[in-house]
Amino acid sequence: MIDLVALRALSTVLRLGSFERAARELHVTPSAVSQRVKALEERLGCVLLVRSAPVTATPEGARLYRHYLQIEMLEADLQNDLQPLAEAGTPGSRSRSIPVAVNADSLATWFIPAMVDFHTRSGDTLALHVDDQDHTREWLKNGTVFGAVTAAAEPVGGCRVDALGVMRYVAAVSPAFAQRYFSGVTLAEGFRRAPMLVYNQKDQMQHRFLSQVIGEDCTPPQWWVPSAQGFLDAAIAGLGWGLHPVPLAAAALKAGTLADLCPGHSISVALYWQSWRLDSASVRTLRDCVWRAASAVLEPA
């Protein structure tokens, strides 16, 4: 049997990112936390943590972290089932912060209502990890989160997949930007010199769009704007062109502060909810909340 006290110490260090913060939460010294983790490593014969800043997990440590999160979730469900009926339904009586990965565009358009619904129904909160939709699945694979909004339809081992719908993106620019860079030239010429908005180094959506529309990728000047709202504001301000989720850009497109640069051309991204295949009330509740919120905004697949 794995020592649950040591396993809790490992989990707390990984969740908070340091031995010192874990010690404060566990009401022990950092040395005591370190000794518990070291004893677990010696018993299992492998290194579980990378002692960096923040502390990260080795593949073996990530597997144990995921195991402990599952234990916590099942024990919380059991406690809620066994508590006196007079206390049942009291929000926050067993509040937890459940780790979830989500892409920035979903967070900016439809995921907040899912969080509100989940907190209302369970009393629990979410600890969000924001990443590109093509990479959120990796958070599930390494055991950091128990659920993720992802563009990957293939399930991670031990997880189930639910289709959420399609997010459609259009290339939107300010009218002044369109006039400056695209008036009187071909689209290909305009795209080669017009500054392009990119979320971060993982964002390849604009490059895929260029290949689709003009048959080539190119390397125009780039703005890196790692914020969904900031990305939209930068386009409205005339800094560059970029692909924007229709639900987020709809008001600006209607008001005329943004214009669709390539009518008839868009990119659609199918989104899925992947979560642990665990018989837990919290897992079921969050899955239902996510699906309800997504279906109200995303287009059908």
Protein backbone atom coordinates (compact mmCIF):
# COMPACT_ATOMS: atom_id res chain seq x y z
CA MET A 1 0.00 0.00 0.00
CA ILE A 2 1.18 3.53 -0.79
CA ASP A 3 1.44 5.83 2.25
CA LEU A 4 -1.44 8.30 1.78
CA VAL A 5 0.21 10.89 4.04
CA ALA A 6 3.26 10.91 1.78
CA LEU A 7 1.06 10.87 -1.30
CA ARG A 8 -0.84 13.90 -0.01
CA ALA A 9 2.47 15.71 0.53
CA LEU A 10 3.52 14.94 -3.05
CA SER A 11 0.17 16.11 -4.41
CA THR A 12 0.25 19.35 -2.42
CA VAL A 13 3.78 20.19 -3.59
CA LEU A 14 2.77 19.67 -7.22
CA ARG A 15 -0.46 21.63 -6.88
CA LEU A 16 1.20 24.62 -5.18
CA GLY A 17 4.57 24.41 -6.93
CA SER A 18 6.87 24.51 -3.89
CA PHE A 19 7.73 22.67 -0.68
CA GLU A 20 7.31 25.87 1.35
CA ARG A 21 3.74 26.57 0.23
CA ALA A 22 2.86 22.89 0.66
CA ALA A 23 4.25 22.99 4.20
CA ARG A 24 2.09 26.00 5.08
CA GLU A 25 -1.04 24.27 3.82
CA LEU A 26 -0.22 21.00 5.60
CA HIS A 27 0.83 22.81 8.82
CA VAL A 28 4.25 21.12 8.94
CA THR A 29 7.80 22.22 8.15
CA PRO A 30 9.21 22.18 4.59
CA SER A 31 11.72 19.60 5.85
CA ALA A 32 8.88 17.30 6.91
CA VAL A 33 7.25 17.60 3.47
CA SER A 34 10.58 16.86 1.81
CA GLN A 35 11.17 13.82 4.01
CA ARG A 36 7.72 12.41 3.18
CA VAL A 37 8.30 12.77 -0.54
CA LYS A 38 11.82 11.35 -0.28
CA ALA A 39 10.55 8.34 1.68
CA LEU A 40 7.95 7.71 -1.03
CA GLU A 41 10.62 7.94 -3.74
CA GLU A 42 12.87 5.51 -1.87
CA ARG A 43 10.05 3.03 -1.35
CA LEU A 44 9.03 3.13 -5.03
CA GLY A 45 12.60 3.27 -6.32
CA CYS A 46 12.13 6.25 -8.64
CA VAL A 47 12.33 10.05 -8.67
CA LEU A 48 8.88 11.66 -8.45
CA LEU A 49 9.66 15.38 -8.49
CA VAL A 50 11.89 17.72 -10.45
CA ARG A 51 13.13 20.13 -7.77
CA SER A 52 12.81 23.25 -9.92
CA ALA A 53 10.88 26.50 -9.50
CA PRO A 54 8.06 25.68 -9.71
CA VAL A 55 8.40 22.02 -8.73
CA THR A 56 7.23 19.71 -11.52
CA ALA A 57 6.47 16.01 -11.75
CA THR A 58 8.38 13.25 -13.43
CA PRO A 59 6.18 10.85 -15.44
CA GLU A 60 6.01 8.59 -12.37
CA GLY A 61 5.16 11.52 -10.12
CA ALA A 62 2.43 12.67 -12.50
CA ARG A 63 0.88 9.21 -12.42
CA LEU A 64 0.81 9.25 -8.61
CA TYR A 65 -0.57 12.79 -8.59
CA ARG A 66 -3.43 11.73 -10.83
CA HIS A 67 -4.05 8.72 -8.60
CA TYR A 68 -4.27 10.90 -5.49
CA LEU A 69 -6.65 13.37 -7.16
CA GLN A 70 -8.94 10.46 -7.98
CA ILE A 71 -8.80 9.26 -4.38
CA GLU A 72 -9.63 12.77 -3.13
CA MET A 73 -12.59 13.04 -5.46
CA LEU A 74 -14.04 9.65 -4.52
CA GLU A 75 -13.54 10.28 -0.80
CA ALA A 76 -15.28 13.66 -1.06
CA ASP A 77 -18.21 12.04 -2.86
CA LEU A 78 -18.38 9.39 -0.12
CA GLN A 79 -18.32 12.01 2.63
CA ASN A 80 -21.13 13.93 0.97
CA ASP A 81 -23.16 10.72 0.66
CA LEU A 82 -22.64 9.84 4.33
CA GLN A 83 -23.15 13.25 5.91
CA PRO A 84 -26.36 13.79 7.93
CA LEU A 85 -29.38 14.67 5.82
CA ALA A 86 -29.67 17.98 7.69
CA GLU A 87 -26.33 19.02 6.25
CA ALA A 88 -26.94 17.72 2.72
CA GLY A 89 -26.96 20.27 -0.07
CA THR A 90 -25.00 22.88 1.90
CA PRO A 91 -22.83 24.61 -0.72
CA GLY A 92 -19.16 24.73 0.19
CA SER A 93 -19.39 22.14 2.98
CA ARG A 94 -16.68 20.15 1.18
CA SER A 95 -15.23 22.67 -1.23
CA ARG A 96 -12.37 21.59 -3.52
CA SER A 97 -10.43 23.23 -6.32
CA ILE A 98 -10.50 20.86 -9.27
CA PRO A 99 -7.76 21.24 -11.91
CA VAL A 100 -9.00 21.68 -15.49
CA ALA A 101 -7.31 22.70 -18.77
CA VAL A 102 -9.13 25.03 -21.19
CA ASN A 103 -8.19 27.03 -24.27
CA ALA A 104 -8.27 30.83 -24.07
CA ASP A 105 -11.01 31.31 -26.68
CA SER A 106 -13.39 28.97 -24.86
CA LEU A 107 -12.64 30.75 -21.59
CA ALA A 108 -13.44 34.09 -23.25
CA THR A 109 -16.68 32.97 -24.89
CA TRP A 110 -18.55 30.18 -23.07
CA PHE A 111 -16.58 28.47 -20.29
CA ILE A 112 -17.32 31.01 -17.51
CA PRO A 113 -21.06 30.11 -17.50
CA ALA A 114 -20.03 26.45 -17.11
CA MET A 115 -17.96 27.43 -14.07
CA VAL A 116 -20.84 29.37 -12.55
CA ASP A 117 -23.21 26.45 -13.09
CA PHE A 118 -20.72 23.97 -11.62
CA HIS A 119 -20.05 26.07 -8.51
CA THR A 120 -23.77 26.60 -7.95
CA ARG A 121 -24.46 22.88 -8.15
CA SER A 122 -21.42 21.54 -6.30
CA GLY A 123 -19.88 24.31 -4.20
CA ASP A 124 -16.48 23.40 -5.69
CA THR A 125 -14.15 25.69 -7.63
CA LEU A 126 -11.86 25.09 -10.62
CA ALA A 127 -8.11 25.65 -10.94
CA LEU A 128 -7.72 26.54 -14.62
CA HIS A 129 -4.69 25.84 -16.79
CA VAL A 130 -4.99 27.86 -20.02
CA ASP A 131 -3.32 26.52 -23.16
CA ASP A 132 -3.86 26.19 -26.90
CA GLN A 133 -6.70 23.79 -27.77
CA ASP A 134 -4.20 21.61 -29.64
CA HIS A 135 -2.14 21.20 -26.46
CA THR A 136 -4.62 21.03 -23.54
CA ARG A 137 -4.76 17.24 -24.02
CA GLU A 138 -1.15 17.06 -22.81
CA TRP A 139 -2.25 18.30 -19.39
CA LEU A 140 -4.49 15.23 -19.15
CA LYS A 141 -1.73 12.91 -20.31
CA ASN A 142 0.68 14.08 -17.64
CA GLY A 143 -1.95 13.82 -14.89
CA THR A 144 -2.07 17.54 -14.04
CA VAL A 145 -5.81 17.98 -14.67
CA PHE A 146 -8.84 15.75 -14.54
CA GLY A 147 -10.65 17.35 -17.49
CA ALA A 148 -9.78 19.41 -20.57
CA VAL A 149 -11.41 21.31 -23.43
CA THR A 150 -9.41 20.09 -26.41
CA ALA A 151 -9.38 19.82 -30.19
CA ALA A 152 -8.27 16.18 -29.88
CA ALA A 153 -10.98 13.59 -30.49
CA GLU A 154 -8.74 10.63 -29.63
CA PRO A 155 -9.13 9.86 -25.91
CA VAL A 156 -6.24 9.88 -23.48
CA GLY A 157 -5.92 6.50 -21.76
CA GLY A 158 -8.45 6.23 -18.93
CA CYS A 159 -10.54 9.15 -20.21
CA ARG A 160 -13.84 9.55 -22.01
CA VAL A 161 -14.56 12.04 -24.79
CA ASP A 162 -17.70 14.16 -25.32
CA ALA A 163 -18.16 16.26 -28.48
CA LEU A 164 -19.01 19.88 -27.59
CA GLY A 165 -19.46 21.58 -30.96
CA VAL A 166 -17.52 23.74 -33.39
CA MET A 167 -15.88 27.12 -32.86
CA ARG A 168 -15.71 29.08 -36.12
CA TYR A 169 -12.99 31.69 -36.71
CA VAL A 170 -12.91 34.54 -39.25
CA ALA A 171 -10.05 36.80 -40.31
CA ALA A 172 -11.10 40.17 -38.91
CA VAL A 173 -9.43 43.58 -39.29
CA SER A 174 -10.26 47.22 -38.66
CA PRO A 175 -11.57 49.02 -41.77
CA ALA A 176 -8.56 51.37 -41.68
CA PHE A 177 -6.16 48.41 -41.58
CA ALA A 178 -7.92 46.78 -44.55
CA GLN A 179 -7.69 50.03 -46.51
CA ARG A 180 -3.99 50.48 -45.71
CA TYR A 181 -2.72 46.99 -46.50
CA PHE A 182 -5.25 45.34 -48.81
CA SER A 183 -6.69 48.10 -51.01
CA GLY A 184 -5.66 47.80 -54.66
CA VAL A 185 -3.52 44.68 -54.19
CA THR A 186 -4.15 40.95 -54.33
CA LEU A 187 -4.84 39.09 -51.09
CA ALA A 188 -1.48 37.34 -51.38
CA GLU A 189 0.34 40.68 -51.68
CA GLY A 190 -1.56 42.10 -48.74
CA PHE A 191 -0.91 39.11 -46.50
CA ARG A 192 2.83 39.18 -47.27
CA ARG A 193 3.24 42.67 -45.82
CA ALA A 194 0.34 43.17 -43.39
CA PRO A 195 1.23 42.63 -39.69
CA MET A 196 -0.29 39.43 -38.30
CA LEU A 197 -1.62 38.77 -34.80
CA VAL A 198 -0.45 35.53 -33.18
CA TYR A 199 -1.51 34.29 -29.74
CA ASN A 200 1.85 32.68 -28.90
CA GLN A 201 4.46 30.35 -30.39
CA LYS A 202 2.01 27.43 -30.30
CA ASP A 203 -0.59 29.27 -32.38
CA GLN A 204 -0.53 27.96 -35.96
CA MET A 205 -4.08 28.94 -36.92
CA GLN A 206 -3.14 32.04 -38.92
CA HIS A 207 -0.55 30.03 -40.88
CA ARG A 208 -3.14 27.35 -41.70
CA PHE A 209 -5.50 30.07 -42.87
CA LEU A 210 -2.86 31.57 -45.20
CA SER A 211 -2.26 28.17 -46.78
CA GLN A 212 -6.00 27.73 -47.24
CA VAL A 213 -6.73 31.16 -48.74
CA ILE A 214 -3.65 32.05 -50.81
CA GLY A 215 -2.08 28.61 -51.18
CA GLU A 216 1.11 29.47 -49.30
CA ASP A 217 2.44 30.32 -45.86
CA CYS A 218 4.42 33.51 -45.43
CA THR A 219 6.25 35.37 -42.68
CA PRO A 220 4.81 38.87 -42.31
CA PRO A 221 5.58 41.06 -39.27
CA GLN A 222 3.95 39.55 -36.17
CA TRP A 223 2.42 40.76 -32.94
CA TRP A 224 2.33 38.21 -30.11
CA VAL A 225 -0.77 38.90 -28.02
CA PRO A 226 -1.40 36.06 -25.50
CA SER A 227 -4.90 37.15 -24.46
CA ALA A 228 -8.19 36.44 -26.21
CA GLN A 229 -9.64 39.87 -25.36
CA GLY A 230 -6.31 41.58 -26.02
CA PHE A 231 -6.15 39.82 -29.41
CA LEU A 232 -9.55 41.30 -30.29
CA ASP A 233 -8.67 44.76 -28.96
CA ALA A 234 -5.43 44.77 -30.98
CA ALA A 235 -7.37 44.06 -34.18
CA ILE A 236 -9.90 46.81 -33.44
CA ALA A 237 -7.00 49.21 -32.78
CA GLY A 238 -5.63 48.42 -36.25
CA LEU A 239 -2.43 46.66 -35.18
CA GLY A 240 -2.88 43.58 -37.34
CA TRP A 241 -5.10 40.89 -38.76
CA GLY A 242 -5.89 37.63 -37.02
CA LEU A 243 -8.42 34.84 -36.70
CA HIS A 244 -11.09 35.57 -34.10
CA PRO A 245 -13.79 33.29 -32.70
CA VAL A 246 -17.10 34.43 -34.13
CA PRO A 247 -18.89 34.54 -30.74
CA LEU A 248 -16.24 36.94 -29.40
CA ALA A 249 -15.95 39.13 -32.51
CA ALA A 250 -19.67 39.21 -33.40
CA ALA A 251 -20.44 42.53 -31.69
CA ALA A 252 -17.46 44.31 -33.28
CA LEU A 253 -18.32 42.88 -36.71
CA LYS A 254 -21.91 44.06 -36.34
CA ALA A 255 -20.82 47.52 -35.16
CA GLY A 256 -18.37 47.88 -38.04
CA THR A 257 -15.28 48.32 -35.88
CA LEU A 258 -14.08 45.06 -37.42
CA ALA A 259 -14.62 43.71 -40.92
CA ASP A 260 -14.34 40.18 -42.29
CA LEU A 261 -11.21 40.34 -44.45
CA CYS A 262 -12.04 37.20 -46.46
CA PRO A 263 -15.82 36.65 -46.62
CA GLY A 264 -16.60 33.04 -47.35
CA HIS A 265 -13.36 31.82 -45.77
CA SER A 266 -13.18 30.66 -42.18
CA ILE A 267 -11.60 27.98 -40.03
CA SER A 268 -13.73 25.70 -37.87
CA VAL A 269 -12.29 23.92 -34.84
CA ALA A 270 -14.20 20.99 -33.34
CA LEU A 271 -13.93 20.99 -29.55
CA TYR A 272 -14.24 18.07 -27.15
CA TRP A 273 -14.40 17.57 -23.41
CA GLN A 274 -12.05 14.87 -22.21
CA SER A 275 -12.27 13.80 -18.58
CA TRP A 276 -11.25 10.90 -16.39
CA ARG A 277 -13.40 7.82 -16.69
CA LEU A 278 -14.18 7.97 -12.97
CA ASP A 279 -17.44 7.16 -11.21
CA SER A 280 -17.60 10.48 -9.39
CA ALA A 281 -20.50 12.86 -8.92
CA SER A 282 -18.14 15.82 -9.44
CA VAL A 283 -16.92 14.44 -12.77
CA ARG A 284 -20.48 13.89 -13.97
CA THR A 285 -21.66 17.31 -12.79
CA LEU A 286 -18.81 19.21 -14.43
CA ARG A 287 -19.21 17.27 -17.68
CA ASP A 288 -22.90 18.23 -17.77
CA CYS A 289 -22.16 21.90 -16.99
CA VAL A 290 -19.49 22.08 -19.69
CA TRP A 291 -21.74 20.49 -22.30
CA ARG A 292 -24.68 22.80 -21.47
CA ALA A 293 -22.57 25.96 -21.70
CA ALA A 294 -20.82 24.87 -24.90
CA SER A 295 -24.03 23.90 -26.67
CA ALA A 296 -25.44 27.38 -26.07
CA VAL A 297 -22.57 29.05 -27.98
CA LEU A 298 -20.77 26.61 -30.26
CA GLU A 299 -22.08 25.57 -33.66
CA PRO A 300 -23.22 21.96 -34.12
CA ALA A 301 -20.51 19.64 -35.41
